[in-house]
């Protein structure tokens, strides 16, 4: 099982059949998805702070 690629197909011994461009595209998509999620999380944090923390309550 350690000799399998991410797509589930067994890797042949001594061959370099990795499609690096496909891997790069996959990771680029993942990074964009994560950036969108991080941006949405940051916006929720700001909204939460504005709603649940009264102004000047923490001495800032």
Protein backbone atom coordinates (compact mmCIF):
# COMPACT_ATOMS: atom_id res chain seq x y z
CA UNK A 1 0.00 0.00 0.00
CA UNK A 2 2.97 2.31 0.56
CA UNK A 3 3.81 1.90 -3.12
CA UNK A 4 0.49 3.39 -4.25
CA UNK A 5 0.08 6.91 -5.52
CA UNK A 6 -2.71 9.20 -4.30
CA UNK A 7 -4.97 8.05 -7.13
CA UNK A 8 -4.84 4.47 -5.83
CA UNK A 9 -2.88 2.99 -8.75
CA UNK A 10 0.28 1.07 -7.85
CA UNK A 11 3.53 2.80 -8.66
CA UNK A 12 5.80 0.85 -10.94
CA UNK A 13 9.33 0.19 -9.78
CA UNK A 14 11.97 2.41 -11.35
CA UNK A 15 9.57 4.65 -13.26
CA UNK A 16 8.87 8.31 -12.71
CA UNK A 17 5.27 8.60 -13.87
CA UNK A 18 4.29 11.47 -11.60
CA UNK A 19 2.34 14.15 -13.43
CA UNK A 20 3.85 17.15 -11.67
CA UNK A 21 1.68 19.65 -13.52
CA UNK A 22 -1.46 17.85 -12.37
CA UNK A 23 -0.12 17.77 -8.82
CA UNK A 24 0.64 21.50 -8.98
CA UNK A 25 -2.88 22.23 -10.25
CA UNK A 26 -4.36 20.16 -7.41
CA UNK A 27 -2.36 22.01 -4.77
CA UNK A 28 -3.13 25.37 -6.36
CA UNK A 29 -6.86 24.62 -6.13
CA UNK A 30 -6.46 23.54 -2.52
CA UNK A 31 -4.54 26.68 -1.60
CA UNK A 32 -7.20 28.90 -3.18
CA UNK A 33 -9.95 27.04 -1.31
CA UNK A 34 -8.03 27.43 1.94
CA UNK A 35 -7.47 31.15 1.29
CA UNK A 36 -11.21 31.64 0.73
CA UNK A 37 -12.01 29.75 3.93
CA UNK A 38 -9.42 31.73 5.90
CA UNK A 39 -10.85 35.01 4.59
CA UNK A 40 -14.39 33.95 5.59
CA UNK A 41 -13.13 32.91 9.02
CA UNK A 42 -11.45 36.29 9.53
CA UNK A 43 -14.66 38.08 8.57
CA UNK A 44 -16.64 35.98 11.07
CA UNK A 45 -14.12 36.80 13.79
CA UNK A 46 -14.54 40.53 13.15
CA UNK A 47 -18.34 40.19 13.15
CA UNK A 48 -18.24 38.15 16.35
CA UNK A 49 -16.01 40.69 18.03
CA UNK A 50 -18.35 43.55 17.04
CA UNK A 51 -21.45 41.73 18.27
CA UNK A 52 -20.32 40.11 21.52
CA UNK A 53 -17.68 42.45 22.88
CA UNK A 54 -18.99 45.82 24.08
CA UNK A 55 -16.79 48.81 23.24
CA UNK A 56 -14.13 49.66 25.80
CA UNK A 57 -15.00 46.61 27.93
CA UNK A 58 -11.50 45.20 27.88
CA UNK A 59 -9.58 48.38 28.58
CA UNK A 60 -8.25 48.87 25.08
